[in-house]
Amino acid sequence: MQVGETEPFICELLNSLTVTIQDLETHQIHMFYEAVGLMISADGDPKKREQYLVRAQHLLEQHLAVLLAHGCITVTSVRRGLRFS
């Protein structure tokens, strides 16, 4: 944590994830998640890393659930490797 911070930056980032990525294009979201993953992997505490990963994946899981519910994708397409374009 940096001096003057009340929580680690990764926590702030995960708390505002929806707002942060809402205006990004798909390729930008991919790069953003890659950067988040690198920040998470830099934490030395395995329990914290797991907690951060769960929080980071939550938004993606919600998005996939909505797509599945609306018939935009199928379970089969997800199993084959869903590609966002």
C-alpha atoms as a PDB file:
ATOM      1  CA  MET A   1       0.000   0.000   0.000  1.00  0.00           C
ATOM      2  CA  GLN A   2       1.110   3.520  -0.706  1.00  0.00           C
ATOM      3  CA  VAL A   3       1.329   6.242   1.905  1.00  0.00           C
ATOM      4  CA  GLY A   4      -2.063   7.893   2.361  1.00  0.00           C
ATOM      5  CA  GLU A   5      -4.074   5.008   0.906  1.00  0.00           C
ATOM      6  CA  THR A   6      -6.868   3.522   2.970  1.00  0.00           C
ATOM      7  CA  GLU A   7      -6.873   0.278   0.971  1.00  0.00           C
ATOM      8  CA  PRO A   8      -4.670  -1.313  -1.674  1.00  0.00           C
ATOM      9  CA  PHE A   9      -5.089   0.082  -5.193  1.00  0.00           C
ATOM     10  CA  ILE A  10      -6.256  -3.304  -6.479  1.00  0.00           C
ATOM     11  CA  CYS A  11      -9.206  -3.133  -4.053  1.00  0.00           C
ATOM     12  CA  GLU A  12     -10.158   0.334  -5.312  1.00  0.00           C
ATOM     13  CA  LEU A  13      -9.889  -0.942  -8.870  1.00  0.00           C
ATOM     14  CA  LEU A  14     -12.059  -3.996  -8.204  1.00  0.00           C
ATOM     15  CA  ASN A  15     -14.645  -1.891  -6.348  1.00  0.00           C
ATOM     16  CA  SER A  16     -15.110   0.331  -9.399  1.00  0.00           C
ATOM     17  CA  LEU A  17     -14.637  -2.341 -12.058  1.00  0.00           C
ATOM     18  CA  THR A  18     -18.049  -1.914 -13.682  1.00  0.00           C
ATOM     19  CA  VAL A  19     -17.631   1.842 -14.057  1.00  0.00           C
ATOM     20  CA  THR A  20     -14.028   1.515 -15.207  1.00  0.00           C
ATOM     21  CA  ILE A  21     -14.737  -0.830 -18.119  1.00  0.00           C
ATOM     22  CA  GLN A  22     -18.214   0.315 -19.177  1.00  0.00           C
ATOM     23  CA  ASP A  23     -16.973   2.520 -22.029  1.00  0.00           C
ATOM     24  CA  LEU A  24     -14.118   0.287 -23.182  1.00  0.00           C
ATOM     25  CA  GLU A  25     -14.133  -1.743 -26.379  1.00  0.00           C
ATOM     26  CA  THR A  26     -13.731  -5.518 -26.168  1.00  0.00           C
ATOM     27  CA  HIS A  27      -9.999  -5.532 -26.926  1.00  0.00           C
ATOM     28  CA  GLN A  28      -9.468  -2.832 -24.293  1.00  0.00           C
ATOM     29  CA  ILE A  29     -11.378  -4.877 -21.717  1.00  0.00           C
ATOM     30  CA  HIS A  30      -9.145  -7.866 -22.473  1.00  0.00           C
ATOM     31  CA  MET A  31      -6.016  -5.770 -21.953  1.00  0.00           C
ATOM     32  CA  PHE A  32      -7.474  -4.259 -18.791  1.00  0.00           C
ATOM     33  CA  TYR A  33      -8.183  -7.698 -17.317  1.00  0.00           C
ATOM     34  CA  GLU A  34      -4.678  -8.813 -18.252  1.00  0.00           C
ATOM     35  CA  ALA A  35      -3.252  -5.855 -16.323  1.00  0.00           C
ATOM     36  CA  VAL A  36      -5.529  -6.597 -13.347  1.00  0.00           C
ATOM     37  CA  GLY A  37      -4.314 -10.198 -13.406  1.00  0.00           C
ATOM     38  CA  LEU A  38      -0.703  -9.041 -13.301  1.00  0.00           C
ATOM     39  CA  MET A  39      -1.454  -6.780 -10.326  1.00  0.00           C
ATOM     40  CA  ILE A  40      -3.192  -9.635  -8.536  1.00  0.00           C
ATOM     41  CA  SER A  41      -0.310 -12.021  -9.206  1.00  0.00           C
ATOM     42  CA  ALA A  42       2.104  -9.507  -7.659  1.00  0.00           C
ATOM     43  CA  ASP A  43       0.477  -9.857  -4.224  1.00  0.00           C
ATOM     44  CA  GLY A  44       2.543 -12.138  -2.003  1.00  0.00           C
ATOM     45  CA  ASP A  45      -0.408 -13.447   0.017  1.00  0.00           C
ATOM     46  CA  PRO A  46      -2.072 -16.460  -1.675  1.00  0.00           C
ATOM     47  CA  LYS A  47      -5.350 -15.935   0.215  1.00  0.00           C
ATOM     48  CA  LYS A  48      -5.585 -12.314  -0.908  1.00  0.00           C
ATOM     49  CA  ARG A  49      -4.779 -13.323  -4.496  1.00  0.00           C
ATOM     50  CA  GLU A  50      -7.650 -15.811  -4.436  1.00  0.00           C
ATOM     51  CA  GLN A  51     -10.038 -13.198  -3.016  1.00  0.00           C
ATOM     52  CA  TYR A  52      -8.997 -10.682  -5.681  1.00  0.00           C
ATOM     53  CA  LEU A  53      -9.471 -13.237  -8.459  1.00  0.00           C
ATOM     54  CA  VAL A  54     -12.959 -14.107  -7.244  1.00  0.00           C
ATOM     55  CA  ARG A  55     -13.885 -10.425  -7.215  1.00  0.00           C
ATOM     56  CA  ALA A  56     -12.379  -9.833 -10.665  1.00  0.00           C
ATOM     57  CA  GLN A  57     -14.256 -12.797 -12.171  1.00  0.00           C
ATOM     58  CA  HIS A  58     -17.589 -11.857 -10.632  1.00  0.00           C
ATOM     59  CA  LEU A  59     -18.420  -9.212 -13.252  1.00  0.00           C
ATOM     60  CA  LEU A  60     -17.528 -11.561 -16.118  1.00  0.00           C
ATOM     61  CA  GLU A  61     -19.694 -14.305 -14.614  1.00  0.00           C
ATOM     62  CA  GLN A  62     -22.625 -11.887 -14.339  1.00  0.00           C
ATOM     63  CA  HIS A  63     -22.162 -10.837 -17.971  1.00  0.00           C
ATOM     64  CA  LEU A  64     -22.069 -14.455 -19.172  1.00  0.00           C
ATOM     65  CA  ALA A  65     -25.195 -15.259 -17.144  1.00  0.00           C
ATOM     66  CA  VAL A  66     -27.077 -12.429 -18.852  1.00  0.00           C
ATOM     67  CA  LEU A  67     -25.920 -13.576 -22.292  1.00  0.00           C
ATOM     68  CA  LEU A  68     -26.972 -17.152 -21.527  1.00  0.00           C
ATOM     69  CA  ALA A  69     -30.357 -16.010 -20.190  1.00  0.00           C
ATOM     70  CA  HIS A  70     -31.061 -14.005 -23.340  1.00  0.00           C
ATOM     71  CA  GLY A  71     -29.940 -16.798 -25.651  1.00  0.00           C
ATOM     72  CA  CYS A  72     -27.065 -14.759 -27.056  1.00  0.00           C
ATOM     73  CA  ILE A  73     -24.677 -17.632 -26.397  1.00  0.00           C
ATOM     74  CA  THR A  74     -25.008 -21.299 -25.547  1.00  0.00           C
ATOM     75  CA  VAL A  75     -23.252 -23.470 -23.010  1.00  0.00           C
ATOM     76  CA  THR A  76     -21.672 -25.329 -25.929  1.00  0.00           C
ATOM     77  CA  SER A  77     -20.143 -22.143 -27.349  1.00  0.00           C
ATOM     78  CA  VAL A  78     -18.706 -21.304 -23.927  1.00  0.00           C
ATOM     79  CA  ARG A  79     -17.171 -24.765 -23.617  1.00  0.00           C
ATOM     80  CA  ARG A  80     -15.580 -24.431 -27.068  1.00  0.00           C
ATOM     81  CA  GLY A  81     -14.011 -21.123 -26.129  1.00  0.00           C
ATOM     82  CA  LEU A  82     -16.193 -18.063 -26.314  1.00  0.00           C
ATOM     83  CA  ARG A  83     -14.694 -15.267 -28.367  1.00  0.00           C
ATOM     84  CA  PHE A  84     -15.886 -11.708 -27.998  1.00  0.00           C
ATOM     85  CA  SER A  85     -15.579  -9.592 -31.117  1.00  0.00           C
END
